[in-house]
C-alpha cells in the first residue's frame, strides 16, 4: 500500500514539476494559482487513462508511434486539461509543442530523481 502511495505521489509531483517548468519558461503558458492543483490532478488522471489506450491502439494500428507514446499522451493531457480547467491557457502552436516537450522533460527528470533522492532518504530516516 505504501508503494502505491509513493508511486502516485511521485507521478503527481512529477507532473506538477513539468507544468511548473512550462509556466516558468513559456510566456503564453499560464495556470492560475487556484487552478494549478486541479490542473495537476486532472492532467495526471487523463494521462493515466489515455496512456494504456493509446499504447494499445498504436500497437495494433501504428506501431511506429510507440516511441512517442509519452509525448502523445502529454499533448492529449494538456489539451483536455486546458479545455476543462478555466484558469489554464497554453497559447499558440509553438507553446503547445514546447509545453509538451517541457512537461515531458520535467516529469521525466522528476520521476527519475524523486524515488532516488526523496523516497530513499525517507527510508534511511526510518531505519
Protein backbone atom coordinates (compact mmCIF):
# COMPACT_ATOMS: atom_id res chain seq x y z
CA UNK A 1 0.00 0.00 0.00
CA UNK A 2 2.84 2.37 0.80
CA UNK A 3 4.45 1.58 -2.57
CA UNK A 4 1.26 2.59 -4.39
CA UNK A 5 1.09 5.83 -2.40
CA UNK A 6 4.74 6.61 -3.19
CA UNK A 7 4.17 5.85 -6.86
CA UNK A 8 1.08 8.08 -7.00
CA UNK A 9 2.85 10.88 -5.13
CA UNK A 10 5.83 10.64 -7.47
CA UNK A 11 3.54 10.76 -10.51
CA UNK A 12 1.63 13.81 -9.23
CA UNK A 13 4.77 15.67 -8.17
CA UNK A 14 6.48 14.86 -11.47
CA UNK A 15 3.53 16.23 -13.44
CA UNK A 16 3.45 19.32 -11.23
CA UNK A 17 7.17 19.89 -11.90
CA UNK A 18 6.60 19.54 -15.64
CA UNK A 19 3.71 22.00 -15.61
CA UNK A 20 5.65 24.46 -13.44
CA UNK A 21 8.57 24.26 -15.85
CA UNK A 22 6.25 25.22 -18.70
CA UNK A 23 4.77 28.09 -16.69
CA UNK A 24 8.22 29.48 -15.91
CA UNK A 25 9.73 29.13 -19.40
CA UNK A 26 6.83 29.76 -21.80
CA UNK A 27 5.38 33.29 -21.84
CA UNK A 28 1.91 32.26 -23.07
CA UNK A 29 1.54 29.26 -20.75
CA UNK A 30 -0.36 30.22 -17.62
CA UNK A 31 -2.27 28.42 -14.91
CA UNK A 32 -3.88 30.44 -12.14
CA UNK A 33 -2.70 29.51 -8.65
CA UNK A 34 -6.16 28.29 -7.64
CA UNK A 35 -6.49 26.14 -10.76
CA UNK A 36 -2.98 24.67 -10.54
CA UNK A 37 -3.82 21.81 -8.19
CA UNK A 38 -6.94 20.93 -10.18
CA UNK A 39 -4.90 21.06 -13.39
CA UNK A 40 -2.19 18.76 -11.99
CA UNK A 41 -4.75 16.26 -10.73
CA UNK A 42 -6.83 16.30 -13.91
CA UNK A 43 -3.75 16.17 -16.15
CA UNK A 44 -2.44 13.17 -14.21
CA UNK A 45 -5.76 11.34 -14.40
CA UNK A 46 -6.15 11.99 -18.13
CA UNK A 47 -2.60 10.90 -18.78
CA UNK A 48 -3.01 7.77 -16.65
CA UNK A 49 -6.15 6.77 -18.53
CA UNK A 50 -5.04 7.71 -22.03
CA UNK A 51 -1.59 6.11 -21.90
CA UNK A 52 -2.74 2.47 -21.94
CA UNK A 53 -5.43 3.25 -24.52
CA UNK A 54 -3.01 4.97 -26.88
CA UNK A 55 -0.42 2.25 -26.35
CA UNK A 56 -2.93 -0.46 -27.25
CA UNK A 57 -4.14 1.50 -30.29
CA UNK A 58 -0.64 2.17 -31.56
CA UNK A 59 0.44 -1.45 -31.14
CA UNK A 60 -2.38 -2.53 -33.44
CA UNK A 61 -2.63 0.34 -35.91
CA UNK A 62 0.54 2.47 -35.84
CA UNK A 63 3.48 0.58 -34.27
CA UNK A 64 5.86 3.35 -35.38
CA UNK A 65 4.24 5.63 -32.81
CA UNK A 66 5.40 3.51 -29.85
CA UNK A 67 8.48 5.67 -29.26
CA UNK A 68 6.38 8.81 -28.87
CA UNK A 69 3.58 7.47 -26.66
CA UNK A 70 4.59 9.68 -23.74
CA UNK A 71 4.63 12.80 -25.90
CA UNK A 72 1.24 11.96 -27.40
CA UNK A 73 -0.34 11.31 -24.00
CA UNK A 74 1.14 14.53 -22.59
CA UNK A 75 -0.24 16.50 -25.55
CA UNK A 76 -3.68 14.93 -25.09
CA UNK A 77 -3.49 15.52 -21.34
CA UNK A 78 -2.62 19.18 -21.87
CA UNK A 79 -5.42 19.58 -24.40
CA UNK A 80 -8.14 18.02 -22.23
CA UNK A 81 -6.92 19.82 -19.12
CA UNK A 82 -6.85 23.18 -20.89
CA UNK A 83 -10.42 22.62 -22.10
CA UNK A 84 -11.73 21.66 -18.65
CA UNK A 85 -9.72 23.98 -16.36
CA UNK A 86 -10.84 27.60 -16.63
CA UNK A 87 -7.61 29.14 -15.31
CA UNK A 88 -5.28 27.44 -17.80
CA UNK A 89 -4.04 28.98 -21.06
CA UNK A 90 -1.36 27.45 -23.28
CA UNK A 91 -1.10 29.95 -26.13
CA UNK A 92 -0.17 29.31 -29.75
CA UNK A 93 1.04 26.22 -31.59
CA UNK A 94 4.66 26.84 -30.62
CA UNK A 95 3.66 26.89 -26.94
CA UNK A 96 1.67 23.67 -27.37
CA UNK A 97 4.67 21.88 -28.82
CA UNK A 98 7.15 23.41 -26.38
CA UNK A 99 4.86 22.71 -23.40
CA UNK A 100 4.55 19.07 -24.47
CA UNK A 101 8.33 18.73 -24.51
CA UNK A 102 8.88 20.70 -21.30
CA UNK A 103 6.26 18.75 -19.35
CA UNK A 104 7.77 15.52 -20.67
CA UNK A 105 11.32 16.52 -19.73
CA UNK A 106 10.32 17.95 -16.35
CA UNK A 107 8.20 14.98 -15.36
CA UNK A 108 10.80 12.50 -16.66
CA UNK A 109 13.58 14.05 -14.61
CA UNK A 110 11.34 14.31 -11.53
CA UNK A 111 10.17 10.70 -11.86
CA UNK A 112 13.77 9.54 -12.03
CA UNK A 113 15.14 11.71 -9.21
CA UNK A 114 12.28 11.64 -6.69
CA UNK A 115 12.45 7.90 -5.89
CA UNK A 116 16.24 8.01 -5.75
CA UNK A 117 16.69 11.04 -3.52
CA UNK A 118 13.42 11.79 -1.73
CA UNK A 119 11.99 8.37 -1.01
CA UNK A 120 15.36 6.67 -0.38
CA UNK A 121 16.21 9.43 2.09
CA UNK A 122 12.84 8.91 3.75
CA UNK A 123 13.60 5.19 4.15
CA UNK A 124 17.02 5.95 5.67
CA UNK A 125 15.41 8.30 8.21
CA UNK A 126 13.09 5.48 9.37
CA UNK A 127 15.95 2.99 9.88
